[in-house]
N, C-alpha and C. Protein backbone atom coordinates (compact mmCIF):
# COMPACT_ATOMS: atom_id res chain seq x y z
N MET A 1 -8.62 30.33 0.18
CA MET A 1 -7.29 30.07 0.68
C MET A 1 -7.20 28.58 1.03
N PHE A 2 -6.14 27.94 0.56
CA PHE A 2 -5.94 26.53 0.83
C PHE A 2 -5.26 26.35 2.18
N ARG A 3 -5.73 25.38 2.91
CA ARG A 3 -5.17 25.08 4.23
C ARG A 3 -4.23 23.88 4.09
N ILE A 4 -3.00 24.03 4.57
CA ILE A 4 -1.99 22.99 4.43
C ILE A 4 -1.39 22.64 5.79
N LEU A 5 -1.21 21.35 6.01
CA LEU A 5 -0.55 20.87 7.22
C LEU A 5 0.86 20.43 6.83
N VAL A 6 1.85 20.99 7.51
CA VAL A 6 3.25 20.65 7.24
C VAL A 6 3.83 19.99 8.48
N ALA A 7 4.32 18.76 8.32
CA ALA A 7 4.92 18.02 9.43
C ALA A 7 6.39 17.76 9.13
N ASP A 8 7.26 18.26 10.01
CA ASP A 8 8.70 18.07 9.86
C ASP A 8 9.33 18.27 11.23
N ASP A 9 10.32 17.48 11.57
CA ASP A 9 10.94 17.60 12.89
C ASP A 9 12.04 18.65 12.96
N GLU A 10 12.26 19.36 11.88
CA GLU A 10 13.28 20.42 11.86
C GLU A 10 12.60 21.79 11.90
N PRO A 11 12.65 22.49 13.05
CA PRO A 11 11.98 23.79 13.17
C PRO A 11 12.42 24.80 12.10
N SER A 12 13.68 24.78 11.70
CA SER A 12 14.14 25.75 10.69
C SER A 12 13.46 25.49 9.35
N ILE A 13 13.29 24.22 8.99
CA ILE A 13 12.59 23.87 7.74
C ILE A 13 11.13 24.31 7.84
N LEU A 14 10.49 24.05 9.00
CA LEU A 14 9.09 24.43 9.18
C LEU A 14 8.91 25.94 9.04
N GLY A 15 9.80 26.71 9.65
CA GLY A 15 9.70 28.16 9.56
C GLY A 15 9.82 28.66 8.13
N LEU A 16 10.77 28.11 7.41
CA LEU A 16 10.98 28.50 6.01
C LEU A 16 9.78 28.11 5.16
N LEU A 17 9.29 26.89 5.32
CA LEU A 17 8.13 26.44 4.54
C LEU A 17 6.89 27.27 4.85
N LYS A 18 6.68 27.56 6.12
CA LYS A 18 5.52 28.36 6.53
C LYS A 18 5.56 29.73 5.85
N THR A 19 6.73 30.36 5.86
CA THR A 19 6.87 31.68 5.23
C THR A 19 6.61 31.61 3.73
N VAL A 20 7.25 30.67 3.05
CA VAL A 20 7.09 30.53 1.59
C VAL A 20 5.63 30.25 1.24
N LEU A 21 5.00 29.36 1.98
CA LEU A 21 3.61 28.99 1.67
C LEU A 21 2.65 30.13 1.96
N GLU A 22 2.84 30.83 3.07
CA GLU A 22 1.93 31.92 3.40
C GLU A 22 2.10 33.11 2.46
N LEU A 23 3.29 33.32 1.94
CA LEU A 23 3.48 34.37 0.93
C LEU A 23 2.75 34.03 -0.37
N SER A 24 2.42 32.76 -0.54
CA SER A 24 1.69 32.30 -1.73
C SER A 24 0.23 32.01 -1.42
N SER A 25 -0.27 32.60 -0.35
CA SER A 25 -1.68 32.53 0.01
C SER A 25 -2.16 31.18 0.53
N PHE A 26 -1.26 30.33 1.01
CA PHE A 26 -1.67 29.13 1.72
C PHE A 26 -1.79 29.49 3.20
N GLN A 27 -2.69 28.83 3.90
CA GLN A 27 -2.75 28.93 5.35
C GLN A 27 -2.01 27.71 5.88
N ALA A 28 -0.83 27.91 6.43
CA ALA A 28 0.03 26.79 6.82
C ALA A 28 0.00 26.56 8.33
N GLU A 29 -0.29 25.32 8.70
CA GLU A 29 -0.20 24.86 10.09
C GLU A 29 1.03 23.96 10.15
N THR A 30 1.88 24.14 11.15
CA THR A 30 3.10 23.33 11.23
C THR A 30 3.14 22.53 12.53
N VAL A 31 3.69 21.32 12.42
CA VAL A 31 3.88 20.45 13.58
C VAL A 31 5.23 19.75 13.44
N THR A 32 5.75 19.28 14.58
CA THR A 32 7.09 18.68 14.57
C THR A 32 7.09 17.16 14.74
N SER A 33 5.92 16.53 14.69
CA SER A 33 5.88 15.08 14.84
C SER A 33 4.69 14.48 14.10
N ALA A 34 4.80 13.20 13.81
CA ALA A 34 3.69 12.49 13.18
C ALA A 34 2.51 12.42 14.14
N GLN A 35 2.78 12.28 15.41
CA GLN A 35 1.71 12.22 16.41
C GLN A 35 0.90 13.51 16.41
N GLN A 36 1.58 14.65 16.38
CA GLN A 36 0.88 15.94 16.33
C GLN A 36 0.11 16.08 15.02
N ALA A 37 0.71 15.66 13.93
CA ALA A 37 0.05 15.76 12.62
C ALA A 37 -1.22 14.93 12.60
N THR A 38 -1.14 13.71 13.10
CA THR A 38 -2.31 12.83 13.13
C THR A 38 -3.43 13.45 13.96
N ALA A 39 -3.09 14.01 15.10
CA ALA A 39 -4.10 14.64 15.95
C ALA A 39 -4.77 15.81 15.23
N LEU A 40 -3.98 16.66 14.57
CA LEU A 40 -4.57 17.79 13.85
C LEU A 40 -5.43 17.35 12.68
N LEU A 41 -5.00 16.31 11.98
CA LEU A 41 -5.79 15.80 10.86
C LEU A 41 -7.15 15.32 11.32
N LEU A 42 -7.21 14.72 12.48
CA LEU A 42 -8.49 14.21 12.99
C LEU A 42 -9.38 15.33 13.53
N GLU A 43 -8.79 16.48 13.83
CA GLU A 43 -9.55 17.61 14.37
C GLU A 43 -10.04 18.57 13.30
N GLY A 44 -9.29 18.73 12.21
CA GLY A 44 -9.62 19.77 11.24
C GLY A 44 -9.58 19.29 9.82
N CYS A 45 -9.87 20.20 8.92
CA CYS A 45 -9.91 19.89 7.49
C CYS A 45 -8.75 20.60 6.79
N PHE A 46 -7.96 19.83 6.07
CA PHE A 46 -6.82 20.37 5.33
C PHE A 46 -6.96 20.01 3.86
N HIS A 47 -6.53 20.91 2.99
CA HIS A 47 -6.53 20.65 1.55
C HIS A 47 -5.30 19.85 1.14
N VAL A 48 -4.18 20.10 1.85
CA VAL A 48 -2.90 19.45 1.53
C VAL A 48 -2.22 19.02 2.83
N VAL A 49 -1.59 17.84 2.77
CA VAL A 49 -0.73 17.38 3.85
C VAL A 49 0.66 17.20 3.25
N LEU A 50 1.63 17.88 3.83
CA LEU A 50 3.02 17.80 3.39
C LEU A 50 3.82 17.25 4.57
N THR A 51 4.33 16.03 4.44
CA THR A 51 4.98 15.40 5.58
C THR A 51 6.38 14.90 5.28
N ASP A 52 7.25 15.13 6.24
CA ASP A 52 8.58 14.52 6.22
C ASP A 52 8.39 13.05 6.53
N MET A 53 9.31 12.22 6.12
CA MET A 53 9.20 10.79 6.41
C MET A 53 9.85 10.43 7.73
N LYS A 54 11.01 11.01 7.99
CA LYS A 54 11.79 10.63 9.17
C LYS A 54 11.61 11.68 10.26
N MET A 55 10.74 11.36 11.22
CA MET A 55 10.54 12.24 12.36
C MET A 55 10.83 11.45 13.63
N GLU A 56 9.81 11.06 14.41
CA GLU A 56 10.07 10.27 15.62
C GLU A 56 10.72 8.94 15.29
N THR A 57 10.35 8.39 14.15
CA THR A 57 10.91 7.11 13.68
C THR A 57 11.25 7.28 12.20
N PRO A 58 12.02 6.38 11.63
CA PRO A 58 12.37 6.50 10.21
C PRO A 58 11.16 6.42 9.26
N THR A 59 10.04 5.91 9.75
CA THR A 59 8.86 5.78 8.89
C THR A 59 7.64 6.52 9.44
N ALA A 60 7.86 7.49 10.30
CA ALA A 60 6.75 8.22 10.93
C ALA A 60 5.84 8.89 9.91
N GLY A 61 6.39 9.34 8.81
CA GLY A 61 5.57 9.98 7.78
C GLY A 61 4.49 9.08 7.23
N TYR A 62 4.75 7.78 7.19
CA TYR A 62 3.73 6.84 6.71
C TYR A 62 2.51 6.82 7.63
N ASP A 63 2.70 7.08 8.93
CA ASP A 63 1.56 7.17 9.84
C ASP A 63 0.68 8.36 9.47
N VAL A 64 1.31 9.46 9.13
CA VAL A 64 0.57 10.66 8.72
C VAL A 64 -0.19 10.37 7.43
N ILE A 65 0.46 9.73 6.48
CA ILE A 65 -0.17 9.40 5.20
C ILE A 65 -1.36 8.48 5.41
N ARG A 66 -1.21 7.46 6.24
CA ARG A 66 -2.32 6.52 6.50
C ARG A 66 -3.54 7.24 7.05
N THR A 67 -3.30 8.14 8.00
CA THR A 67 -4.41 8.89 8.58
C THR A 67 -5.06 9.79 7.54
N ALA A 68 -4.26 10.50 6.77
CA ALA A 68 -4.80 11.43 5.76
C ALA A 68 -5.62 10.69 4.70
N ARG A 69 -5.19 9.49 4.33
CA ARG A 69 -5.91 8.72 3.30
C ARG A 69 -7.30 8.32 3.76
N GLN A 70 -7.53 8.23 5.05
CA GLN A 70 -8.82 7.80 5.57
C GLN A 70 -9.82 8.93 5.68
N LEU A 71 -9.38 10.15 5.50
CA LEU A 71 -10.25 11.31 5.69
C LEU A 71 -11.18 11.53 4.50
N GLN A 72 -12.35 12.09 4.79
CA GLN A 72 -13.28 12.51 3.75
C GLN A 72 -13.66 13.95 4.04
N PRO A 73 -13.41 14.88 3.17
CA PRO A 73 -12.72 14.69 1.89
C PRO A 73 -11.23 14.42 2.12
N ARG A 74 -10.66 13.65 1.20
CA ARG A 74 -9.26 13.27 1.31
C ARG A 74 -8.38 14.43 0.84
N PRO A 75 -7.42 14.84 1.66
CA PRO A 75 -6.50 15.90 1.22
C PRO A 75 -5.49 15.38 0.21
N ALA A 76 -4.90 16.28 -0.55
CA ALA A 76 -3.74 15.92 -1.37
C ALA A 76 -2.61 15.64 -0.39
N ILE A 77 -1.81 14.61 -0.69
CA ILE A 77 -0.76 14.18 0.23
C ILE A 77 0.58 14.20 -0.50
N ALA A 78 1.54 14.92 0.08
CA ALA A 78 2.88 14.98 -0.51
C ALA A 78 3.93 14.66 0.55
N ILE A 79 4.93 13.92 0.13
CA ILE A 79 6.06 13.60 0.99
C ILE A 79 7.14 14.65 0.75
N LEU A 80 7.73 15.14 1.84
CA LEU A 80 8.85 16.07 1.77
C LEU A 80 10.03 15.38 2.42
N THR A 81 11.09 15.15 1.67
CA THR A 81 12.20 14.37 2.22
C THR A 81 13.55 14.90 1.76
N ALA A 82 14.54 14.71 2.60
CA ALA A 82 15.92 15.04 2.22
C ALA A 82 16.58 13.85 1.54
N TYR A 83 15.92 12.71 1.62
CA TYR A 83 16.47 11.46 1.09
C TYR A 83 15.57 10.95 -0.02
N PRO A 84 15.84 11.31 -1.26
CA PRO A 84 14.97 10.89 -2.37
C PRO A 84 14.82 9.37 -2.41
N ILE A 85 13.60 8.95 -2.65
CA ILE A 85 13.31 7.52 -2.80
C ILE A 85 12.56 7.31 -4.10
N SER A 86 12.62 6.12 -4.61
CA SER A 86 12.00 5.83 -5.90
C SER A 86 10.48 5.79 -5.77
N PRO A 87 9.76 6.09 -6.86
CA PRO A 87 8.30 6.00 -6.83
C PRO A 87 7.81 4.61 -6.40
N ALA A 88 8.56 3.58 -6.73
CA ALA A 88 8.16 2.22 -6.33
C ALA A 88 8.12 2.08 -4.81
N GLU A 89 8.89 2.92 -4.11
CA GLU A 89 8.91 2.86 -2.64
C GLU A 89 7.81 3.70 -2.01
N TRP A 90 7.52 4.89 -2.57
CA TRP A 90 6.56 5.77 -1.90
C TRP A 90 5.15 5.71 -2.48
N LYS A 91 4.98 5.40 -3.74
CA LYS A 91 3.62 5.39 -4.31
C LYS A 91 2.66 4.42 -3.64
N PRO A 92 3.11 3.21 -3.25
CA PRO A 92 2.17 2.30 -2.58
C PRO A 92 1.61 2.85 -1.26
N SER A 93 2.27 3.85 -0.69
CA SER A 93 1.80 4.44 0.57
C SER A 93 0.51 5.23 0.38
N GLY A 94 0.24 5.63 -0.86
CA GLY A 94 -0.95 6.44 -1.12
C GLY A 94 -0.66 7.92 -1.24
N ALA A 95 0.59 8.31 -1.12
CA ALA A 95 0.94 9.72 -1.31
C ALA A 95 0.78 10.07 -2.79
N ASP A 96 0.50 11.34 -3.05
CA ASP A 96 0.27 11.81 -4.41
C ASP A 96 1.52 12.37 -5.07
N ALA A 97 2.50 12.78 -4.26
CA ALA A 97 3.71 13.40 -4.82
C ALA A 97 4.84 13.30 -3.81
N LEU A 98 6.05 13.51 -4.31
CA LEU A 98 7.24 13.55 -3.45
C LEU A 98 8.05 14.77 -3.86
N PHE A 99 8.44 15.56 -2.86
CA PHE A 99 9.29 16.72 -3.08
C PHE A 99 10.57 16.55 -2.26
N VAL A 100 11.69 16.96 -2.84
CA VAL A 100 12.98 16.85 -2.16
C VAL A 100 13.31 18.18 -1.50
N LYS A 101 13.65 18.13 -0.22
CA LYS A 101 14.02 19.35 0.52
C LYS A 101 15.19 20.02 -0.17
N GLY A 102 15.11 21.34 -0.22
CA GLY A 102 16.22 22.11 -0.75
C GLY A 102 16.24 22.24 -2.26
N SER A 103 15.46 21.44 -2.95
CA SER A 103 15.47 21.55 -4.41
C SER A 103 14.24 22.32 -4.85
N ASP A 104 14.48 23.49 -5.36
CA ASP A 104 13.41 24.27 -5.96
C ASP A 104 12.31 24.67 -4.98
N LEU A 105 12.69 25.07 -3.77
CA LEU A 105 11.72 25.45 -2.75
C LEU A 105 10.83 26.60 -3.20
N ILE A 106 11.39 27.52 -3.96
CA ILE A 106 10.63 28.69 -4.38
C ILE A 106 9.44 28.30 -5.25
N ASN A 107 9.53 27.17 -5.95
CA ASN A 107 8.43 26.71 -6.81
C ASN A 107 7.47 25.76 -6.10
N LEU A 108 7.71 25.46 -4.83
CA LEU A 108 6.85 24.53 -4.11
C LEU A 108 5.39 24.96 -4.10
N PRO A 109 5.06 26.23 -3.83
CA PRO A 109 3.64 26.61 -3.85
C PRO A 109 2.96 26.32 -5.18
N GLU A 110 3.62 26.60 -6.29
CA GLU A 110 3.02 26.31 -7.60
C GLU A 110 2.87 24.81 -7.81
N LYS A 111 3.84 24.04 -7.36
CA LYS A 111 3.75 22.58 -7.48
C LYS A 111 2.59 22.06 -6.64
N LEU A 112 2.38 22.64 -5.47
CA LEU A 112 1.27 22.21 -4.62
C LEU A 112 -0.08 22.59 -5.23
N LYS A 113 -0.15 23.75 -5.86
CA LYS A 113 -1.40 24.14 -6.54
C LYS A 113 -1.71 23.20 -7.69
N LEU A 114 -0.69 22.80 -8.43
CA LEU A 114 -0.87 21.83 -9.51
C LEU A 114 -1.31 20.48 -8.94
N LEU A 115 -0.72 20.08 -7.84
CA LEU A 115 -1.11 18.83 -7.19
C LEU A 115 -2.57 18.88 -6.75
N LEU A 116 -2.99 20.00 -6.19
CA LEU A 116 -4.39 20.16 -5.79
C LEU A 116 -5.33 20.01 -6.99
N LYS A 117 -4.95 20.61 -8.10
CA LYS A 117 -5.76 20.52 -9.31
C LYS A 117 -5.85 19.07 -9.80
N GLN A 118 -4.72 18.37 -9.80
CA GLN A 118 -4.70 16.98 -10.24
C GLN A 118 -5.55 16.10 -9.33
N CYS A 119 -5.47 16.34 -8.03
CA CYS A 119 -6.26 15.54 -7.08
C CYS A 119 -7.75 15.83 -7.22
N ALA A 120 -8.10 17.09 -7.48
CA ALA A 120 -9.51 17.43 -7.68
C ALA A 120 -10.05 16.74 -8.93
N GLN A 121 -9.25 16.70 -9.99
CA GLN A 121 -9.67 16.01 -11.21
C GLN A 121 -9.84 14.52 -10.96
N ARG A 122 -8.93 13.93 -10.19
CA ARG A 122 -9.02 12.51 -9.86
C ARG A 122 -10.29 12.22 -9.07
N GLU A 123 -10.59 13.06 -8.11
CA GLU A 123 -11.79 12.87 -7.29
C GLU A 123 -13.05 13.02 -8.13
N ALA A 124 -13.05 13.99 -9.05
CA ALA A 124 -14.23 14.21 -9.89
C ALA A 124 -14.46 13.02 -10.82
N ALA A 125 -13.39 12.39 -11.25
CA ALA A 125 -13.51 11.25 -12.17
C ALA A 125 -13.88 9.96 -11.44
N ALA A 126 -13.62 9.91 -10.14
CA ALA A 126 -13.91 8.69 -9.38
C ALA A 126 -15.41 8.56 -9.16
N GLU A 127 -15.85 7.34 -9.06
CA GLU A 127 -17.25 7.10 -8.78
C GLU A 127 -17.53 7.49 -7.34
N PRO A 128 -18.73 8.03 -7.08
CA PRO A 128 -19.04 8.40 -5.70
C PRO A 128 -19.10 7.17 -4.80
N VAL A 129 -18.63 7.35 -3.60
CA VAL A 129 -18.67 6.28 -2.61
C VAL A 129 -19.88 6.51 -1.73
N LEU A 130 -20.81 5.58 -1.77
CA LEU A 130 -22.01 5.71 -0.95
C LEU A 130 -21.77 5.09 0.41
N PRO A 131 -22.28 5.73 1.46
CA PRO A 131 -22.09 5.15 2.78
C PRO A 131 -22.81 3.81 2.89
N ARG A 132 -22.19 2.88 3.59
CA ARG A 132 -22.81 1.57 3.77
C ARG A 132 -23.82 1.65 4.90
N SER A 133 -24.87 0.85 4.77
CA SER A 133 -25.88 0.77 5.81
C SER A 133 -25.27 0.11 7.04
N VAL A 134 -25.76 0.48 8.20
CA VAL A 134 -25.29 -0.11 9.44
C VAL A 134 -25.60 -1.60 9.46
N ASN A 135 -26.66 -2.01 8.78
CA ASN A 135 -27.07 -3.42 8.78
C ASN A 135 -26.31 -4.27 7.78
N GLN A 136 -25.45 -3.70 6.96
CA GLN A 136 -24.73 -4.49 5.96
C GLN A 136 -23.57 -5.21 6.57
């Protein structure tokens, strides 16, 4: 079972996403702020992080993405937004995908499974990162 963290400041969206994801065999944890998401990311291991961009601040989702990118193993990271933005705007953040709220929600679990597969292939193709010595 894949563990997914969903961060969005709209409780109704969180409830709907949690239901849809759990019906598709995801274990969904939900939070309403970037601060809560960051804390959970540092405490546990998630396969996927799905974050809204506009929560406490208009760019709060980028804080979640920055934290997730630093984790090992790195989770798949997807932006969930009501305001579509161009890939040129979101790709530099390090997110792997962008999904628009309300569009094709029923297919979100399949899209997330495909994203997980793509991220696993990317990780397998990447060269292993060896830990640096304390003396370096």
